[in-house]
Amino acid sequence: MVFAEDIRRTILKLAEERGPEQTFAMSDVARAMDQKNWRELLDQVKFVANILIREGKIIARKSNGNSSFELSKPPITRQKS
């Protein structure tokens, strides 16, 4: 079972490792947590990511470089604020 706090830690860890200039996809977070069943985690990862965005912990960036306040649909990546 995957808990929201585990997802939160994984997102923040990836953001820290990649730095403010590099982005990562939610699938990267899910794969870091479970290589085999990562697709099953995507909805949970997106939910937690939206919380982190609202808290100002991370920034959503669309492929065109614009910021977004919430996850909508791909292509969106995240980076630490």
PDB file of N, CA and C in Angstrom:
ATOM      1  N   MET A   1       0.834  -1.179   0.000  1.00  0.00           N
ATOM      2  CA  MET A   1       0.000   0.000   0.000  1.00  0.00           C
ATOM      3  C   MET A   1       0.881   1.246   0.000  1.00  0.00           C
ATOM      4  N   VAL A   2       0.528   2.206  -0.809  1.00  0.00           N
ATOM      5  CA  VAL A   2       1.280   3.454  -0.913  1.00  0.00           C
ATOM      6  C   VAL A   2       0.496   4.548  -0.191  1.00  0.00           C
ATOM      7  N   PHE A   3       1.187   5.279   0.651  1.00  0.00           N
ATOM      8  CA  PHE A   3       0.563   6.345   1.422  1.00  0.00           C
ATOM      9  C   PHE A   3       0.913   7.708   0.834  1.00  0.00           C
ATOM     10  N   ALA A   4       0.033   8.672   1.055  1.00  0.00           N
ATOM     11  CA  ALA A   4       0.234  10.021   0.527  1.00  0.00           C
ATOM     12  C   ALA A   4       1.559  10.612   0.985  1.00  0.00           C
ATOM     13  N   GLU A   5       1.951  10.348   2.219  1.00  0.00           N
ATOM     14  CA  GLU A   5       3.208  10.907   2.731  1.00  0.00           C
ATOM     15  C   GLU A   5       4.409  10.325   1.980  1.00  0.00           C
ATOM     16  N   ASP A   6       4.335   9.061   1.584  1.00  0.00           N
ATOM     17  CA  ASP A   6       5.410   8.456   0.787  1.00  0.00           C
ATOM     18  C   ASP A   6       5.502   9.124  -0.589  1.00  0.00           C
ATOM     19  N   ILE A   7       4.353   9.384  -1.182  1.00  0.00           N
ATOM     20  CA  ILE A   7       4.327  10.057  -2.483  1.00  0.00           C
ATOM     21  C   ILE A   7       4.890  11.465  -2.343  1.00  0.00           C
ATOM     22  N   ARG A   8       4.471  12.156  -1.310  1.00  0.00           N
ATOM     23  CA  ARG A   8       4.951  13.519  -1.052  1.00  0.00           C
ATOM     24  C   ARG A   8       6.475  13.544  -0.943  1.00  0.00           C
ATOM     25  N   ARG A   9       7.023  12.633  -0.153  1.00  0.00           N
ATOM     26  CA  ARG A   9       8.482  12.565   0.017  1.00  0.00           C
ATOM     27  C   ARG A   9       9.179  12.284  -1.309  1.00  0.00           C
ATOM     28  N   THR A  10       8.615  11.389  -2.102  1.00  0.00           N
ATOM     29  CA  THR A  10       9.221  11.036  -3.385  1.00  0.00           C
ATOM     30  C   THR A  10       9.204  12.225  -4.345  1.00  0.00           C
ATOM     31  N   ILE A  11       8.101  12.943  -4.411  1.00  0.00           N
ATOM     32  CA  ILE A  11       8.025  14.124  -5.281  1.00  0.00           C
ATOM     33  C   ILE A  11       9.060  15.155  -4.859  1.00  0.00           C
ATOM     34  N   LEU A  12       9.120  15.446  -3.568  1.00  0.00           N
ATOM     35  CA  LEU A  12      10.057  16.464  -3.082  1.00  0.00           C
ATOM     36  C   LEU A  12      11.509  16.026  -3.253  1.00  0.00           C
ATOM     37  N   LYS A  13      11.759  14.727  -3.115  1.00  0.00           N
ATOM     38  CA  LYS A  13      13.116  14.206  -3.315  1.00  0.00           C
ATOM     39  C   LYS A  13      13.540  14.376  -4.778  1.00  0.00           C
ATOM     40  N   LEU A  14      12.662  14.012  -5.708  1.00  0.00           N
ATOM     41  CA  LEU A  14      12.984  14.186  -7.131  1.00  0.00           C
ATOM     42  C   LEU A  14      13.190  15.660  -7.465  1.00  0.00           C
ATOM     43  N   ALA A  15      12.363  16.523  -6.905  1.00  0.00           N
ATOM     44  CA  ALA A  15      12.516  17.961  -7.152  1.00  0.00           C
ATOM     45  C   ALA A  15      13.859  18.455  -6.632  1.00  0.00           C
ATOM     46  N   GLU A  16      14.249  17.996  -5.478  1.00  0.00           N
ATOM     47  CA  GLU A  16      15.534  18.404  -4.892  1.00  0.00           C
ATOM     48  C   GLU A  16      16.702  17.878  -5.722  1.00  0.00           C
ATOM     49  N   GLU A  17      16.624  16.617  -6.120  1.00  0.00           N
ATOM     50  CA  GLU A  17      17.700  16.010  -6.907  1.00  0.00           C
ATOM     51  C   GLU A  17      17.874  16.694  -8.263  1.00  0.00           C
ATOM     52  N   ARG A  18      16.788  17.057  -8.877  1.00  0.00           N
ATOM     53  CA  ARG A  18      16.862  17.632 -10.230  1.00  0.00           C
ATOM     54  C   ARG A  18      17.118  19.133 -10.222  1.00  0.00           C
ATOM     55  N   GLY A  19      16.810  19.787  -9.133  1.00  0.00           N
ATOM     56  CA  GLY A  19      17.046  21.227  -9.045  1.00  0.00           C
ATOM     57  C   GLY A  19      15.950  22.034  -9.708  1.00  0.00           C
ATOM     58  N   PRO A  20      16.013  23.349  -9.567  1.00  0.00           N
ATOM     59  CA  PRO A  20      14.935  24.214 -10.047  1.00  0.00           C
ATOM     60  C   PRO A  20      14.839  24.355 -11.566  1.00  0.00           C
ATOM     61  N   GLU A  21      15.861  23.975 -12.289  1.00  0.00           N
ATOM     62  CA  GLU A  21      15.834  24.139 -13.748  1.00  0.00           C
ATOM     63  C   GLU A  21      15.376  22.896 -14.495  1.00  0.00           C
ATOM     64  N   GLN A  22      15.404  21.737 -13.851  1.00  0.00           N
ATOM     65  CA  GLN A  22      15.005  20.497 -14.519  1.00  0.00           C
ATOM     66  C   GLN A  22      13.621  20.077 -14.056  1.00  0.00           C
ATOM     67  N   THR A  23      12.835  19.603 -14.981  1.00  0.00           N
ATOM     68  CA  THR A  23      11.484  19.157 -14.678  1.00  0.00           C
ATOM     69  C   THR A  23      11.427  17.633 -14.660  1.00  0.00           C
ATOM     70  N   PHE A  24      10.311  17.120 -14.171  1.00  0.00           N
ATOM     71  CA  PHE A  24      10.074  15.677 -14.206  1.00  0.00           C
ATOM     72  C   PHE A  24       8.580  15.434 -14.295  1.00  0.00           C
ATOM     73  N   ALA A  25       8.235  14.293 -14.852  1.00  0.00           N
ATOM     74  CA  ALA A  25       6.836  13.934 -15.055  1.00  0.00           C
ATOM     75  C   ALA A  25       6.309  13.143 -13.864  1.00  0.00           C
ATOM     76  N   MET A  26       5.004  13.136 -13.731  1.00  0.00           N
ATOM     77  CA  MET A  26       4.392  12.371 -12.649  1.00  0.00           C
ATOM     78  C   MET A  26       4.653  10.877 -12.814  1.00  0.00           C
ATOM     79  N   SER A  27       4.824  10.431 -14.040  1.00  0.00           N
ATOM     80  CA  SER A  27       5.155   9.020 -14.255  1.00  0.00           C
ATOM     81  C   SER A  27       6.530   8.694 -13.681  1.00  0.00           C
ATOM     82  N   ASP A  28       7.445   9.667 -13.653  1.00  0.00           N
ATOM     83  CA  ASP A  28       8.756   9.453 -13.027  1.00  0.00           C
ATOM     84  C   ASP A  28       8.597   9.182 -11.538  1.00  0.00           C
ATOM     85  N   VAL A  29       7.690   9.911 -10.906  1.00  0.00           N
ATOM     86  CA  VAL A  29       7.429   9.717  -9.476  1.00  0.00           C
ATOM     87  C   VAL A  29       6.843   8.327  -9.247  1.00  0.00           C
ATOM     88  N   ALA A  30       5.833   7.981 -10.034  1.00  0.00           N
ATOM     89  CA  ALA A  30       5.184   6.680  -9.885  1.00  0.00           C
ATOM     90  C   ALA A  30       6.167   5.539 -10.126  1.00  0.00           C
ATOM     91  N   ARG A  31       7.021   5.666 -11.134  1.00  0.00           N
ATOM     92  CA  ARG A  31       8.015   4.625 -11.415  1.00  0.00           C
ATOM     93  C   ARG A  31       9.048   4.508 -10.297  1.00  0.00           C
ATOM     94  N   ALA A  32       9.402   5.628  -9.695  1.00  0.00           N
ATOM     95  CA  ALA A  32      10.357   5.599  -8.583  1.00  0.00           C
ATOM     96  C   ALA A  32       9.776   4.844  -7.394  1.00  0.00           C
ATOM     97  N   MET A  33       8.470   4.830  -7.297  1.00  0.00           N
ATOM     98  CA  MET A  33       7.818   4.164  -6.178  1.00  0.00           C
ATOM     99  C   MET A  33       7.514   2.697  -6.463  1.00  0.00           C
ATOM    100  N   ASP A  34       7.199   2.371  -7.715  1.00  0.00           N
ATOM    101  CA  ASP A  34       6.843   0.991  -8.061  1.00  0.00           C
ATOM    102  C   ASP A  34       7.063   0.775  -9.555  1.00  0.00           C
ATOM    103  N   GLN A  35       8.195   0.159  -9.898  1.00  0.00           N
ATOM    104  CA  GLN A  35       8.555  -0.063 -11.301  1.00  0.00           C
ATOM    105  C   GLN A  35       7.513  -0.892 -12.055  1.00  0.00           C
ATOM    106  N   LYS A  36       6.914  -1.859 -11.385  1.00  0.00           N
ATOM    107  CA  LYS A  36       6.011  -2.785 -12.054  1.00  0.00           C
ATOM    108  C   LYS A  36       4.590  -2.227 -12.210  1.00  0.00           C
ATOM    109  N   ASN A  37       4.062  -1.653 -11.149  1.00  0.00           N
ATOM    110  CA  ASN A  37       2.660  -1.216 -11.138  1.00  0.00           C
ATOM    111  C   ASN A  37       2.519   0.302 -11.089  1.00  0.00           C
ATOM    112  N   TRP A  38       3.436   1.008 -11.700  1.00  0.00           N
ATOM    113  CA  TRP A  38       3.469   2.464 -11.581  1.00  0.00           C
ATOM    114  C   TRP A  38       2.219   3.143 -12.115  1.00  0.00           C
ATOM    115  N   ARG A  39       1.609   2.592 -13.148  1.00  0.00           N
ATOM    116  CA  ARG A  39       0.416   3.226 -13.731  1.00  0.00           C
ATOM    117  C   ARG A  39      -0.731   3.309 -12.727  1.00  0.00           C
ATOM    118  N   GLU A  40      -0.809   2.321 -11.852  1.00  0.00           N
ATOM    119  CA  GLU A  40      -1.861   2.305 -10.835  1.00  0.00           C
ATOM    120  C   GLU A  40      -1.698   3.437  -9.824  1.00  0.00           C
ATOM    121  N   LEU A  41      -0.515   4.007  -9.735  1.00  0.00           N
ATOM    122  CA  LEU A  41      -0.239   5.063  -8.759  1.00  0.00           C
ATOM    123  C   LEU A  41      -0.460   6.470  -9.306  1.00  0.00           C
ATOM    124  N   LEU A  42      -0.626   6.598 -10.604  1.00  0.00           N
ATOM    125  CA  LEU A  42      -0.654   7.930 -11.219  1.00  0.00           C
ATOM    126  C   LEU A  42      -1.723   8.861 -10.645  1.00  0.00           C
ATOM    127  N   ASP A  43      -2.925   8.368 -10.424  1.00  0.00           N
ATOM    128  CA  ASP A  43      -3.966   9.248  -9.878  1.00  0.00           C
ATOM    129  C   ASP A  43      -3.594   9.749  -8.489  1.00  0.00           C
ATOM    130  N   GLN A  44      -3.038   8.865  -7.665  1.00  0.00           N
ATOM    131  CA  GLN A  44      -2.611   9.271  -6.327  1.00  0.00           C
ATOM    132  C   GLN A  44      -1.471  10.286  -6.403  1.00  0.00           C
ATOM    133  N   VAL A  45      -0.524  10.040  -7.294  1.00  0.00           N
ATOM    134  CA  VAL A  45       0.618  10.946  -7.455  1.00  0.00           C
ATOM    135  C   VAL A  45       0.129  12.325  -7.901  1.00  0.00           C
ATOM    136  N   LYS A  46      -0.777  12.376  -8.851  1.00  0.00           N
ATOM    137  CA  LYS A  46      -1.317  13.654  -9.323  1.00  0.00           C
ATOM    138  C   LYS A  46      -2.059  14.387  -8.204  1.00  0.00           C
ATOM    139  N   PHE A  47      -2.813  13.649  -7.404  1.00  0.00           N
ATOM    140  CA  PHE A  47      -3.546  14.253  -6.292  1.00  0.00           C
ATOM    141  C   PHE A  47      -2.585  14.913  -5.304  1.00  0.00           C
ATOM    142  N   VAL A  48      -1.549  14.178  -4.911  1.00  0.00           N
ATOM    143  CA  VAL A  48      -0.571  14.712  -3.960  1.00  0.00           C
ATOM    144  C   VAL A  48       0.205  15.872  -4.586  1.00  0.00           C
ATOM    145  N   ALA A  49       0.537  15.762  -5.860  1.00  0.00           N
ATOM    146  CA  ALA A  49       1.250  16.849  -6.542  1.00  0.00           C
ATOM    147  C   ALA A  49       0.429  18.133  -6.522  1.00  0.00           C
ATOM    148  N   ASN A  50      -0.875  18.024  -6.725  1.00  0.00           N
ATOM    149  CA  ASN A  50      -1.727  19.211  -6.679  1.00  0.00           C
ATOM    150  C   ASN A  50      -1.718  19.851  -5.297  1.00  0.00           C
ATOM    151  N   ILE A  51      -1.667  19.049  -4.257  1.00  0.00           N
ATOM    152  CA  ILE A  51      -1.566  19.588  -2.893  1.00  0.00           C
ATOM    153  C   ILE A  51      -0.258  20.358  -2.743  1.00  0.00           C
ATOM    154  N   LEU A  52       0.835  19.769  -3.219  1.00  0.00           N
ATOM    155  CA  LEU A  52       2.144  20.426  -3.127  1.00  0.00           C
ATOM    156  C   LEU A  52       2.188  21.720  -3.942  1.00  0.00           C
ATOM    157  N   ILE A  53       1.506  21.746  -5.061  1.00  0.00           N
ATOM    158  CA  ILE A  53       1.430  22.967  -5.872  1.00  0.00           C
ATOM    159  C   ILE A  53       0.697  24.054  -5.090  1.00  0.00           C
ATOM    160  N   ARG A  54      -0.453  23.703  -4.511  1.00  0.00           N
ATOM    161  CA  ARG A  54      -1.218  24.686  -3.734  1.00  0.00           C
ATOM    162  C   ARG A  54      -0.443  25.175  -2.515  1.00  0.00           C
ATOM    163  N   GLU A  55       0.393  24.314  -1.939  1.00  0.00           N
ATOM    164  CA  GLU A  55       1.217  24.695  -0.788  1.00  0.00           C
ATOM    165  C   GLU A  55       2.432  25.521  -1.204  1.00  0.00           C
ATOM    166  N   GLY A  56       2.690  25.600  -2.500  1.00  0.00           N
ATOM    167  CA  GLY A  56       3.839  26.350  -2.990  1.00  0.00           C
ATOM    168  C   GLY A  56       5.156  25.600  -2.872  1.00  0.00           C
ATOM    169  N   LYS A  57       5.099  24.295  -2.683  1.00  0.00           N
ATOM    170  CA  LYS A  57       6.312  23.480  -2.556  1.00  0.00           C
ATOM    171  C   LYS A  57       6.927  23.142  -3.904  1.00  0.00           C
ATOM    172  N   ILE A  58       6.087  23.038  -4.931  1.00  0.00           N
ATOM    173  CA  ILE A  58       6.547  22.747  -6.286  1.00  0.00           C
ATOM    174  C   ILE A  58       5.771  23.636  -7.256  1.00  0.00           C
ATOM    175  N   ILE A  59       6.271  23.721  -8.459  1.00  0.00           N
ATOM    176  CA  ILE A  59       5.635  24.503  -9.521  1.00  0.00           C
ATOM    177  C   ILE A  59       5.326  23.567 -10.679  1.00  0.00           C
ATOM    178  N   ALA A  60       4.128  23.678 -11.229  1.00  0.00           N
ATOM    179  CA  ALA A  60       3.781  22.909 -12.426  1.00  0.00           C
ATOM    180  C   ALA A  60       4.220  23.706 -13.644  1.00  0.00           C
ATOM    181  N   ARG A  61       4.869  23.055 -14.571  1.00  0.00           N
ATOM    182  CA  ARG A  61       5.293  23.710 -15.815  1.00  0.00           C
ATOM    183  C   ARG A  61       4.742  22.914 -16.988  1.00  0.00           C
ATOM    184  N   LYS A  62       4.039  23.592 -17.848  1.00  0.00           N
ATOM    185  CA  LYS A  62       3.573  22.957 -19.074  1.00  0.00           C
ATOM    186  C   LYS A  62       4.734  22.915 -20.051  1.00  0.00           C
ATOM    187  N   SER A  63       4.591  22.148 -21.107  1.00  0.00           N
ATOM    188  CA  SER A  63       5.685  21.993 -22.072  1.00  0.00           C
ATOM    189  C   SER A  63       6.052  23.318 -22.746  1.00  0.00           C
ATOM    190  N   ASN A  64       5.132  24.271 -22.758  1.00  0.00           N
ATOM    191  CA  ASN A  64       5.432  25.567 -23.368  1.00  0.00           C
ATOM    192  C   ASN A  64       6.152  26.501 -22.396  1.00  0.00           C
ATOM    193  N   GLY A  65       6.426  26.019 -21.182  1.00  0.00           N
ATOM    194  CA  GLY A  65       7.169  26.801 -20.203  1.00  0.00           C
ATOM    195  C   GLY A  65       6.309  27.609 -19.262  1.00  0.00           C
ATOM    196  N   ASN A  66       5.016  27.692 -19.526  1.00  0.00           N
ATOM    197  CA  ASN A  66       4.124  28.449 -18.656  1.00  0.00           C
ATOM    198  C   ASN A  66       3.856  27.692 -17.361  1.00  0.00           C
ATOM    199  N   SER A  67       3.688  28.436 -16.287  1.00  0.00           N
ATOM    200  CA  SER A  67       3.356  27.836 -14.998  1.00  0.00           C
ATOM    201  C   SER A  67       1.866  27.546 -14.939  1.00  0.00           C
ATOM    202  N   SER A  68       1.514  26.570 -14.126  1.00  0.00           N
ATOM    203  CA  SER A  68       0.123  26.214 -13.917  1.00  0.00           C
ATOM    204  C   SER A  68      -0.098  26.045 -12.423  1.00  0.00           C
ATOM    205  N   PHE A  69      -1.260  26.440 -11.948  1.00  0.00           N
ATOM    206  CA  PHE A  69      -1.539  26.311 -10.522  1.00  0.00           C
ATOM    207  C   PHE A  69      -2.038  24.929 -10.148  1.00  0.00           C
ATOM    208  N   GLU A  70      -2.469  24.154 -11.119  1.00  0.00           N
ATOM    209  CA  GLU A  70      -2.914  22.798 -10.850  1.00  0.00           C
ATOM    210  C   GLU A  70      -2.672  21.925 -12.061  1.00  0.00           C
ATOM    211  N   LEU A  71      -2.568  20.647 -11.763  1.00  0.00           N
ATOM    212  CA  LEU A  71      -2.406  19.654 -12.815  1.00  0.00           C
ATOM    213  C   LEU A  71      -3.704  19.568 -13.596  1.00  0.00           C
ATOM    214  N   SER A  72      -3.639  19.622 -14.891  1.00  0.00           N
ATOM    215  CA  SER A  72      -4.832  19.432 -15.702  1.00  0.00           C
ATOM    216  C   SER A  72      -4.673  18.154 -16.506  1.00  0.00           C
ATOM    217  N   LYS A  73      -3.900  18.212 -17.559  1.00  0.00           N
ATOM    218  CA  LYS A  73      -3.607  17.010 -18.332  1.00  0.00           C
ATOM    219  C   LYS A  73      -2.244  17.184 -18.980  1.00  0.00           C
ATOM    220  N   PRO A  74      -1.621  16.110 -19.427  1.00  0.00           N
ATOM    221  CA  PRO A  74      -0.282  16.207 -20.018  1.00  0.00           C
ATOM    222  C   PRO A  74      -0.287  17.172 -21.188  1.00  0.00           C
ATOM    223  N   PRO A  75       0.823  17.730 -21.552  1.00  0.00           N
ATOM    224  CA  PRO A  75       2.140  17.526 -20.938  1.00  0.00           C
ATOM    225  C   PRO A  75       2.428  18.553 -19.838  1.00  0.00           C
ATOM    226  N   ILE A  76       2.496  18.082 -18.644  1.00  0.00           N
ATOM    227  CA  ILE A  76       2.841  18.925 -17.502  1.00  0.00           C
ATOM    228  C   ILE A  76       3.939  18.233 -16.719  1.00  0.00           C
ATOM    229  N   THR A  77       4.902  18.990 -16.297  1.00  0.00           N
ATOM    230  CA  THR A  77       5.968  18.464 -15.466  1.00  0.00           C
ATOM    231  C   THR A  77       6.074  19.323 -14.217  1.00  0.00           C
ATOM    232  N   ARG A  78       6.874  18.912 -13.274  1.00  0.00           N
ATOM    233  CA  ARG A  78       6.984  19.626 -12.016  1.00  0.00           C
ATOM    234  C   ARG A  78       8.416  20.045 -11.750  1.00  0.00           C
ATOM    235  N   GLN A  79       8.570  21.084 -11.000  1.00  0.00           N
ATOM    236  CA  GLN A  79       9.881  21.420 -10.499  1.00  0.00           C
ATOM    237  C   GLN A  79       9.726  22.091  -9.146  1.00  0.00           C
ATOM    238  N   LYS A  80      10.752  21.976  -8.353  1.00  0.00           N
ATOM    239  CA  LYS A  80      10.728  22.559  -7.024  1.00  0.00           C
ATOM    240  C   LYS A  80      10.692  24.068  -7.131  1.00  0.00           C
ATOM    241  N   SER A  81       9.906  24.695  -6.259  1.00  0.00           N
ATOM    242  CA  SER A  81       9.836  26.160  -6.258  1.00  0.00           C
ATOM    243  C   SER A  81      10.947  26.749  -5.423  1.00  0.00           C
TER     244      SER A  81
END
